Every structure is written in C-alpha cells, then in structure tokens.
Amino acid sequence: MSRGRYSITLKPFGPTALLIEWPQRMDRDILNDITTLQTQLGTDSPPGILELVPAYASLGVLFDPAQITFEQLCEQVLALYQASATSPIH
C-alpha cells in the first residue's frame, strides 16, 4: 500500500505482532523512515503497543490484543506514517 514516502506493507507476524515492511534494499533514507516511525510510535503510542523492534527494512510492533486489535493498530500506524510524510526528514 502506498503511504507516506515509501510503499509499505503491513502484515501479521504471529498472533500478537505487526510487521511493517519497506522496500527491501539498502538505503539510508529507508532506515531513517523506519526510525522516524519508531520514534513516533514510541512517543504517540496507541494503548496496547508492548515493544518496537526495528530492522534494516522493517519494523516489528508487538501488541496486546486485549487492548488493541490488529486492524486498529494498522489504522493508527498508517495514520502516523501518512502524517510523517508531510514532516521534514530528520
């Protein structure tokens, strides 16, 4: 799905995790995009996010399904990512 600066993919990673994937290439801008979203989720964290696990072209989001559904989490992540597309790159 095209959101923000890159086309990202959101998919389940087991019953209590969301995997957000960026284009699979080595690119400093992609890494910056991932860390920006990680920071936003850490700051404006929806209830139920337990842990954020960054990798080179992905971000794992572990969550408590008793507090937030997978679908709700995806909606909130996409909203934050879209909002970050209008912010300057750090």
PDB file of N, CA and C in Angstrom:
ATOM      1  N   MET A   1       0.840  -1.183   0.000  1.00  0.00           N
ATOM      2  CA  MET A   1       0.000   0.000   0.000  1.00  0.00           C
ATOM      3  C   MET A   1       0.876   1.233   0.000  1.00  0.00           C
ATOM      4  N   SER A   2       0.513   2.231  -0.734  1.00  0.00           N
ATOM      5  CA  SER A   2       1.320   3.435  -0.827  1.00  0.00           C
ATOM      6  C   SER A   2       0.881   4.422   0.242  1.00  0.00           C
ATOM      7  N   ARG A   3       1.769   4.651   1.136  1.00  0.00           N
ATOM      8  CA  ARG A   3       1.518   5.610   2.216  1.00  0.00           C
ATOM      9  C   ARG A   3       2.839   6.298   2.524  1.00  0.00           C
ATOM     10  N   GLY A   4       2.777   7.559   2.921  1.00  0.00           N
ATOM     11  CA  GLY A   4       3.999   8.232   3.301  1.00  0.00           C
ATOM     12  C   GLY A   4       4.971   8.327   2.135  1.00  0.00           C
ATOM     13  N   ARG A   5       6.244   8.233   2.430  1.00  0.00           N
ATOM     14  CA  ARG A   5       7.283   8.400   1.423  1.00  0.00           C
ATOM     15  C   ARG A   5       7.540   7.136   0.613  1.00  0.00           C
ATOM     16  N   TYR A   6       7.256   5.988   1.182  1.00  0.00           N
ATOM     17  CA  TYR A   6       7.518   4.707   0.523  1.00  0.00           C
ATOM     18  C   TYR A   6       6.259   3.869   0.493  1.00  0.00           C
ATOM     19  N   SER A   7       6.279   2.873  -0.364  1.00  0.00           N
ATOM     20  CA  SER A   7       5.213   1.889  -0.373  1.00  0.00           C
ATOM     21  C   SER A   7       5.551   0.873   0.710  1.00  0.00           C
ATOM     22  N   ILE A   8       4.740   0.812   1.751  1.00  0.00           N
ATOM     23  CA  ILE A   8       4.996  -0.110   2.855  1.00  0.00           C
ATOM     24  C   ILE A   8       3.921  -1.192   2.873  1.00  0.00           C
ATOM     25  N   THR A   9       4.273  -2.301   3.486  1.00  0.00           N
ATOM     26  CA  THR A   9       3.359  -3.426   3.625  1.00  0.00           C
ATOM     27  C   THR A   9       3.173  -3.711   5.110  1.00  0.00           C
ATOM     28  N   LEU A  10       1.921  -3.878   5.528  1.00  0.00           N
ATOM     29  CA  LEU A  10       1.613  -4.241   6.908  1.00  0.00           C
ATOM     30  C   LEU A  10       1.014  -5.633   6.890  1.00  0.00           C
ATOM     31  N   LYS A  11       1.572  -6.509   7.731  1.00  0.00           N
ATOM     32  CA  LYS A  11       1.040  -7.867   7.775  1.00  0.00           C
ATOM     33  C   LYS A  11       1.235  -8.455   9.161  1.00  0.00           C
ATOM     34  N   PRO A  12       0.383  -9.426   9.501  1.00  0.00           N
ATOM     35  CA  PRO A  12       0.530 -10.079  10.802  1.00  0.00           C
ATOM     36  C   PRO A  12       1.855 -10.831  10.852  1.00  0.00           C
ATOM     37  N   PHE A  13       2.426 -10.856  12.041  1.00  0.00           N
ATOM     38  CA  PHE A  13       3.654 -11.601  12.289  1.00  0.00           C
ATOM     39  C   PHE A  13       3.404 -12.410  13.560  1.00  0.00           C
ATOM     40  N   GLY A  14       2.565 -13.411  13.401  1.00  0.00           N
ATOM     41  CA  GLY A  14       2.090 -14.159  14.562  1.00  0.00           C
ATOM     42  C   GLY A  14       0.838 -13.499  15.115  1.00  0.00           C
ATOM     43  N   PRO A  15       0.308 -14.033  16.210  1.00  0.00           N
ATOM     44  CA  PRO A  15      -0.966 -13.518  16.736  1.00  0.00           C
ATOM     45  C   PRO A  15      -0.869 -12.186  17.482  1.00  0.00           C
ATOM     46  N   THR A  16       0.339 -11.772  17.857  1.00  0.00           N
ATOM     47  CA  THR A  16       0.469 -10.549  18.656  1.00  0.00           C
ATOM     48  C   THR A  16       1.532  -9.604  18.124  1.00  0.00           C
ATOM     49  N   ALA A  17       1.754  -9.649  16.814  1.00  0.00           N
ATOM     50  CA  ALA A  17       2.757  -8.744  16.244  1.00  0.00           C
ATOM     51  C   ALA A  17       2.338  -8.305  14.842  1.00  0.00           C
ATOM     52  N   LEU A  18       2.738  -7.096  14.522  1.00  0.00           N
ATOM     53  CA  LEU A  18       2.549  -6.498  13.206  1.00  0.00           C
ATOM     54  C   LEU A  18       3.936  -6.318  12.608  1.00  0.00           C
ATOM     55  N   LEU A  19       4.099  -6.701  11.356  1.00  0.00           N
ATOM     56  CA  LEU A  19       5.353  -6.468  10.657  1.00  0.00           C
ATOM     57  C   LEU A  19       5.112  -5.412   9.583  1.00  0.00           C
ATOM     58  N   ILE A  20       5.861  -4.326   9.666  1.00  0.00           N
ATOM     59  CA  ILE A  20       5.790  -3.254   8.682  1.00  0.00           C
ATOM     60  C   ILE A  20       7.044  -3.382   7.820  1.00  0.00           C
ATOM     61  N   GLU A  21       6.840  -3.551   6.516  1.00  0.00           N
ATOM     62  CA  GLU A  21       7.978  -3.741   5.622  1.00  0.00           C
ATOM     63  C   GLU A  21       8.087  -2.598   4.626  1.00  0.00           C
ATOM     64  N   TRP A  22       9.319  -2.135   4.437  1.00  0.00           N
ATOM     65  CA  TRP A  22       9.667  -1.133   3.443  1.00  0.00           C
ATOM     66  C   TRP A  22      10.291  -1.852   2.252  1.00  0.00           C
ATOM     67  N   PRO A  23      10.570  -1.150   1.167  1.00  0.00           N
ATOM     68  CA  PRO A  23      11.258  -1.786   0.043  1.00  0.00           C
ATOM     69  C   PRO A  23      12.539  -2.475   0.526  1.00  0.00           C
ATOM     70  N   GLN A  24      12.786  -3.665   0.034  1.00  0.00           N
ATOM     71  CA  GLN A  24      13.897  -4.483   0.501  1.00  0.00           C
ATOM     72  C   GLN A  24      15.185  -4.131  -0.239  1.00  0.00           C
ATOM     73  N   ARG A  25      15.746  -3.004   0.148  1.00  0.00           N
ATOM     74  CA  ARG A  25      17.039  -2.589  -0.403  1.00  0.00           C
ATOM     75  C   ARG A  25      17.777  -1.788   0.661  1.00  0.00           C
ATOM     76  N   MET A  26      19.075  -1.738   0.521  1.00  0.00           N
ATOM     77  CA  MET A  26      19.888  -0.972   1.463  1.00  0.00           C
ATOM     78  C   MET A  26      19.823   0.492   1.059  1.00  0.00           C
ATOM     79  N   ASP A  27      19.228   1.294   1.934  1.00  0.00           N
ATOM     80  CA  ASP A  27      19.001   2.701   1.612  1.00  0.00           C
ATOM     81  C   ASP A  27      18.914   3.478   2.921  1.00  0.00           C
ATOM     82  N   ARG A  28      19.775   4.438   3.082  1.00  0.00           N
ATOM     83  CA  ARG A  28      19.797   5.222   4.333  1.00  0.00           C
ATOM     84  C   ARG A  28      18.471   5.952   4.554  1.00  0.00           C
ATOM     85  N   ASP A  29      17.823   6.406   3.491  1.00  0.00           N
ATOM     86  CA  ASP A  29      16.540   7.096   3.638  1.00  0.00           C
ATOM     87  C   ASP A  29      15.453   6.159   4.161  1.00  0.00           C
ATOM     88  N   ILE A  30      15.492   4.901   3.739  1.00  0.00           N
ATOM     89  CA  ILE A  30      14.528   3.923   4.266  1.00  0.00           C
ATOM     90  C   ILE A  30      14.777   3.712   5.751  1.00  0.00           C
ATOM     91  N   LEU A  31      16.043   3.551   6.129  1.00  0.00           N
ATOM     92  CA  LEU A  31      16.368   3.381   7.548  1.00  0.00           C
ATOM     93  C   LEU A  31      15.907   4.585   8.364  1.00  0.00           C
ATOM     94  N   ASN A  32      16.110   5.791   7.830  1.00  0.00           N
ATOM     95  CA  ASN A  32      15.642   6.999   8.518  1.00  0.00           C
ATOM     96  C   ASN A  32      14.118   7.011   8.639  1.00  0.00           C
ATOM     97  N   ASP A  33      13.444   6.554   7.602  1.00  0.00           N
ATOM     98  CA  ASP A  33      11.982   6.485   7.612  1.00  0.00           C
ATOM     99  C   ASP A  33      11.499   5.529   8.711  1.00  0.00           C
ATOM    100  N   ILE A  34      12.178   4.397   8.827  1.00  0.00           N
ATOM    101  CA  ILE A  34      11.828   3.407   9.860  1.00  0.00           C
ATOM    102  C   ILE A  34      12.040   3.987  11.251  1.00  0.00           C
ATOM    103  N   THR A  35      13.186   4.617  11.469  1.00  0.00           N
ATOM    104  CA  THR A  35      13.452   5.151  12.808  1.00  0.00           C
ATOM    105  C   THR A  35      12.522   6.310  13.147  1.00  0.00           C
ATOM    106  N   THR A  36      12.123   7.074  12.130  1.00  0.00           N
ATOM    107  CA  THR A  36      11.157   8.157  12.376  1.00  0.00           C
ATOM    108  C   THR A  36       9.823   7.581  12.839  1.00  0.00           C
ATOM    109  N   LEU A  37       9.337   6.553  12.145  1.00  0.00           N
ATOM    110  CA  LEU A  37       8.069   5.938  12.557  1.00  0.00           C
ATOM    111  C   LEU A  37       8.214   5.276  13.923  1.00  0.00           C
ATOM    112  N   GLN A  38       9.345   4.651  14.185  1.00  0.00           N
ATOM    113  CA  GLN A  38       9.581   4.039  15.502  1.00  0.00           C
ATOM    114  C   GLN A  38       9.498   5.101  16.598  1.00  0.00           C
ATOM    115  N   THR A  39      10.113   6.237  16.369  1.00  0.00           N
ATOM    116  CA  THR A  39      10.072   7.324  17.354  1.00  0.00           C
ATOM    117  C   THR A  39       8.648   7.825  17.558  1.00  0.00           C
ATOM    118  N   GLN A  40       7.923   7.997  16.454  1.00  0.00           N
ATOM    119  CA  GLN A  40       6.532   8.462  16.562  1.00  0.00           C
ATOM    120  C   GLN A  40       5.681   7.460  17.342  1.00  0.00           C
ATOM    121  N   LEU A  41       5.840   6.172  17.045  1.00  0.00           N
ATOM    122  CA  LEU A  41       5.058   5.162  17.758  1.00  0.00           C
ATOM    123  C   LEU A  41       5.451   5.106  19.229  1.00  0.00           C
ATOM    124  N   GLY A  42       6.714   5.344  19.519  1.00  0.00           N
ATOM    125  CA  GLY A  42       7.160   5.368  20.911  1.00  0.00           C
ATOM    126  C   GLY A  42       6.637   6.570  21.669  1.00  0.00           C
ATOM    127  N   THR A  43       6.480   7.688  20.959  1.00  0.00           N
ATOM    128  CA  THR A  43       6.004   8.926  21.579  1.00  0.00           C
ATOM    129  C   THR A  43       4.480   8.971  21.650  1.00  0.00           C
ATOM    130  N   ASP A  44       3.835   8.651  20.515  1.00  0.00           N
ATOM    131  CA  ASP A  44       2.374   8.711  20.417  1.00  0.00           C
ATOM    132  C   ASP A  44       1.795   7.297  20.396  1.00  0.00           C
ATOM    133  N   SER A  45       2.330   6.461  21.247  1.00  0.00           N
ATOM    134  CA  SER A  45       1.995   5.043  21.232  1.00  0.00           C
ATOM    135  C   SER A  45       0.529   4.776  21.556  1.00  0.00           C
ATOM    136  N   PRO A  46      -0.170   4.106  20.637  1.00  0.00           N
ATOM    137  CA  PRO A  46      -1.533   3.696  20.962  1.00  0.00           C
ATOM    138  C   PRO A  46      -1.498   2.708  22.129  1.00  0.00           C
ATOM    139  N   PRO A  47      -2.540   2.664  22.954  1.00  0.00           N
ATOM    140  CA  PRO A  47      -2.566   1.681  24.036  1.00  0.00           C
ATOM    141  C   PRO A  47      -2.419   0.279  23.455  1.00  0.00           C
ATOM    142  N   GLY A  48      -1.648  -0.534  24.129  1.00  0.00           N
ATOM    143  CA  GLY A  48      -1.505  -1.916  23.706  1.00  0.00           C
ATOM    144  C   GLY A  48      -0.205  -2.229  22.993  1.00  0.00           C
ATOM    145  N   ILE A  49       0.561  -1.221  22.593  1.00  0.00           N
ATOM    146  CA  ILE A  49       1.865  -1.497  21.987  1.00  0.00           C
ATOM    147  C   ILE A  49       2.830  -1.853  23.108  1.00  0.00           C
ATOM    148  N   LEU A  50       3.455  -3.011  22.968  1.00  0.00           N
ATOM    149  CA  LEU A  50       4.348  -3.510  24.003  1.00  0.00           C
ATOM    150  C   LEU A  50       5.822  -3.277  23.676  1.00  0.00           C
ATOM    151  N   GLU A  51       6.166  -3.423  22.402  1.00  0.00           N
ATOM    152  CA  GLU A  51       7.574  -3.308  22.021  1.00  0.00           C
ATOM    153  C   GLU A  51       7.685  -2.993  20.536  1.00  0.00           C
ATOM    154  N   LEU A  52       8.733  -2.251  20.198  1.00  0.00           N
ATOM    155  CA  LEU A  52       9.035  -1.915  18.811  1.00  0.00           C
ATOM    156  C   LEU A  52      10.402  -2.505  18.485  1.00  0.00           C
ATOM    157  N   VAL A  53      10.476  -3.247  17.387  1.00  0.00           N
ATOM    158  CA  VAL A  53      11.712  -3.939  17.025  1.00  0.00           C
ATOM    159  C   VAL A  53      12.114  -3.517  15.606  1.00  0.00           C
ATOM    160  N   PRO A  54      13.059  -2.572  15.486  1.00  0.00           N
ATOM    161  CA  PRO A  54      13.475  -2.135  14.157  1.00  0.00           C
ATOM    162  C   PRO A  54      14.474  -3.110  13.538  1.00  0.00           C
ATOM    163  N   ALA A  55      14.446  -3.174  12.222  1.00  0.00           N
ATOM    164  CA  ALA A  55      15.438  -3.901  11.441  1.00  0.00           C
ATOM    165  C   ALA A  55      15.793  -3.004  10.258  1.00  0.00           C
ATOM    166  N   TYR A  56      16.620  -3.496   9.344  1.00  0.00           N
ATOM    167  CA  TYR A  56      17.088  -2.602   8.291  1.00  0.00           C
ATOM    168  C   TYR A  56      15.983  -2.148   7.345  1.00  0.00           C
ATOM    169  N   ALA A  57      15.043  -3.012   7.017  1.00  0.00           N
ATOM    170  CA  ALA A  57      13.964  -2.620   6.100  1.00  0.00           C
ATOM    171  C   ALA A  57      12.594  -2.978   6.650  1.00  0.00           C
ATOM    172  N   SER A  58      12.483  -3.062   7.979  1.00  0.00           N
ATOM    173  CA  SER A  58      11.188  -3.403   8.582  1.00  0.00           C
ATOM    174  C   SER A  58      11.136  -2.904  10.030  1.00  0.00           C
ATOM    175  N   LEU A  59       9.912  -2.930  10.551  1.00  0.00           N
ATOM    176  CA  LEU A  59       9.685  -2.580  11.955  1.00  0.00           C
ATOM    177  C   LEU A  59       8.657  -3.546  12.504  1.00  0.00           C
ATOM    178  N   GLY A  60       9.029  -4.259  13.547  1.00  0.00           N
ATOM    179  CA  GLY A  60       8.104  -5.148  14.225  1.00  0.00           C
ATOM    180  C   GLY A  60       7.418  -4.404  15.356  1.00  0.00           C
ATOM    181  N   VAL A  61       6.113  -4.609  15.480  1.00  0.00           N
ATOM    182  CA  VAL A  61       5.342  -3.964  16.538  1.00  0.00           C
ATOM    183  C   VAL A  61       4.626  -5.067  17.307  1.00  0.00           C
ATOM    184  N   LEU A  62       5.078  -5.313  18.529  1.00  0.00           N
ATOM    185  CA  LEU A  62       4.430  -6.303  19.373  1.00  0.00           C
ATOM    186  C   LEU A  62       3.316  -5.611  20.141  1.00  0.00           C
ATOM    187  N   PHE A  63       2.143  -6.260  20.201  1.00  0.00           N
ATOM    188  CA  PHE A  63       0.999  -5.607  20.817  1.00  0.00           C
ATOM    189  C   PHE A  63       0.195  -6.589  21.659  1.00  0.00           C
ATOM    190  N   ASP A  64      -0.629  -6.024  22.526  1.00  0.00           N
ATOM    191  CA  ASP A  64      -1.529  -6.798  23.383  1.00  0.00           C
ATOM    192  C   ASP A  64      -2.910  -6.791  22.744  1.00  0.00           C
ATOM    193  N   PRO A  65      -3.364  -7.927  22.197  1.00  0.00           N
ATOM    194  CA  PRO A  65      -4.659  -7.948  21.514  1.00  0.00           C
ATOM    195  C   PRO A  65      -5.851  -7.722  22.441  1.00  0.00           C
ATOM    196  N   ALA A  66      -5.637  -7.754  23.741  1.00  0.00           N
ATOM    197  CA  ALA A  66      -6.707  -7.422  24.677  1.00  0.00           C
ATOM    198  C   ALA A  66      -6.933  -5.904  24.734  1.00  0.00           C
ATOM    199  N   GLN A  67      -5.931  -5.130  24.281  1.00  0.00           N
ATOM    200  CA  GLN A  67      -6.035  -3.673  24.325  1.00  0.00           C
ATOM    201  C   GLN A  67      -6.243  -3.029  22.962  1.00  0.00           C
ATOM    202  N   ILE A  68      -5.778  -3.696  21.899  1.00  0.00           N
ATOM    203  CA  ILE A  68      -5.913  -3.147  20.549  1.00  0.00           C
ATOM    204  C   ILE A  68      -5.955  -4.304  19.560  1.00  0.00           C
ATOM    205  N   THR A  69      -6.826  -4.186  18.573  1.00  0.00           N
ATOM    206  CA  THR A  69      -6.896  -5.238  17.557  1.00  0.00           C
ATOM    207  C   THR A  69      -5.831  -4.985  16.488  1.00  0.00           C
ATOM    208  N   PHE A  70      -5.552  -5.999  15.722  1.00  0.00           N
ATOM    209  CA  PHE A  70      -4.611  -5.865  14.617  1.00  0.00           C
ATOM    210  C   PHE A  70      -5.082  -4.775  13.656  1.00  0.00           C
ATOM    211  N   GLU A  71      -6.357  -4.784  13.329  1.00  0.00           N
ATOM    212  CA  GLU A  71      -6.904  -3.803  12.394  1.00  0.00           C
ATOM    213  C   GLU A  71      -6.791  -2.376  12.934  1.00  0.00           C
ATOM    214  N   GLN A  72      -7.101  -2.187  14.217  1.00  0.00           N
ATOM    215  CA  GLN A  72      -6.980  -0.862  14.824  1.00  0.00           C
ATOM    216  C   GLN A  72      -5.529  -0.386  14.805  1.00  0.00           C
ATOM    217  N   LEU A  73      -4.621  -1.301  15.110  1.00  0.00           N
ATOM    218  CA  LEU A  73      -3.206  -0.949  15.110  1.00  0.00           C
ATOM    219  C   LEU A  73      -2.756  -0.535  13.712  1.00  0.00           C
ATOM    220  N   CYS A  74      -3.158  -1.282  12.702  1.00  0.00           N
ATOM    221  CA  CYS A  74      -2.808  -0.942  11.321  1.00  0.00           C
ATOM    222  C   CYS A  74      -3.318   0.449  10.953  1.00  0.00           C
ATOM    223  N   GLU A  75      -4.552   0.748  11.309  1.00  0.00           N
ATOM    224  CA  GLU A  75      -5.127   2.068  11.017  1.00  0.00           C
ATOM    225  C   GLU A  75      -4.297   3.176  11.666  1.00  0.00           C
ATOM    226  N   GLN A  76      -3.919   2.978  12.928  1.00  0.00           N
ATOM    227  CA  GLN A  76      -3.171   4.011  13.643  1.00  0.00           C
ATOM    228  C   GLN A  76      -1.754   4.159  13.098  1.00  0.00           C
ATOM    229  N   VAL A  77      -1.139   3.051  12.756  1.00  0.00           N
ATOM    230  CA  VAL A  77       0.204   3.103  12.171  1.00  0.00           C
ATOM    231  C   VAL A  77       0.167   3.844  10.835  1.00  0.00           C
ATOM    232  N   LEU A  78      -0.792   3.507   9.984  1.00  0.00           N
ATOM    233  CA  LEU A  78      -0.899   4.181   8.687  1.00  0.00           C
ATOM    234  C   LEU A  78      -1.157   5.676   8.845  1.00  0.00           C
ATOM    235  N   ALA A  79      -1.980   6.044   9.806  1.00  0.00           N
ATOM    236  CA  ALA A  79      -2.252   7.462  10.047  1.00  0.00           C
ATOM    237  C   ALA A  79      -0.974   8.198  10.456  1.00  0.00           C
ATOM    238  N   LEU A  80      -0.197   7.601  11.350  1.00  0.00           N
ATOM    239  CA  LEU A  80       1.065   8.221  11.762  1.00  0.00           C
ATOM    240  C   LEU A  80       2.042   8.295  10.597  1.00  0.00           C
ATOM    241  N   TYR A  81       2.093   7.238   9.802  1.00  0.00           N
ATOM    242  CA  TYR A  81       3.026   7.210   8.674  1.00  0.00           C
ATOM    243  C   TYR A  81       2.648   8.253   7.628  1.00  0.00           C
ATOM    244  N   GLN A  82       1.374   8.380   7.351  1.00  0.00           N
ATOM    245  CA  GLN A  82       0.927   9.409   6.403  1.00  0.00           C
ATOM    246  C   GLN A  82       1.265  10.797   6.926  1.00  0.00           C
ATOM    247  N   ALA A  83       1.050  11.018   8.205  1.00  0.00           N
ATOM    248  CA  ALA A  83       1.350  12.324   8.787  1.00  0.00           C
ATOM    249  C   ALA A  83       2.847  12.619   8.708  1.00  0.00           C
ATOM    250  N   SER A  84       3.678  11.596   8.846  1.00  0.00           N
ATOM    251  CA  SER A  84       5.130  11.813   8.798  1.00  0.00           C
ATOM    252  C   SER A  84       5.594  12.191   7.402  1.00  0.00           C
ATOM    253  N   ALA A  85       4.830  11.860   6.382  1.00  0.00           N
ATOM    254  CA  ALA A  85       5.228  12.189   5.007  1.00  0.00           C
ATOM    255  C   ALA A  85       5.237  13.691   4.776  1.00  0.00           C
ATOM    256  N   THR A  86       4.463  14.424   5.575  1.00  0.00           N
ATOM    257  CA  THR A  86       4.427  15.879   5.419  1.00  0.00           C
ATOM    258  C   THR A  86       5.411  16.573   6.342  1.00  0.00           C
ATOM    259  N   SER A  87       6.074  15.789   7.216  1.00  0.00           N
ATOM    260  CA  SER A  87       7.053  16.361   8.131  1.00  0.00           C
ATOM    261  C   SER A  87       8.433  16.343   7.492  1.00  0.00           C
ATOM    262  N   PRO A  88       9.301  17.258   7.909  1.00  0.00           N
ATOM    263  CA  PRO A  88      10.660  17.227   7.365  1.00  0.00           C
ATOM    264  C   PRO A  88      11.389  15.964   7.816  1.00  0.00           C
ATOM    265  N   ILE A  89      12.332  15.507   6.997  1.00  0.00           N
ATOM    266  CA  ILE A  89      13.129  14.330   7.342  1.00  0.00           C
ATOM    267  C   ILE A  89      14.192  14.747   8.350  1.00  0.00           C
ATOM    268  N   HIS A  90      14.380  13.914   9.364  1.00  0.00           N
ATOM    269  CA  HIS A  90      15.398  14.205  10.392  1.00  0.00           C
ATOM    270  C   HIS A  90      16.653  13.424  10.123  1.00  0.00           C
TER     271      HIS A  90
END
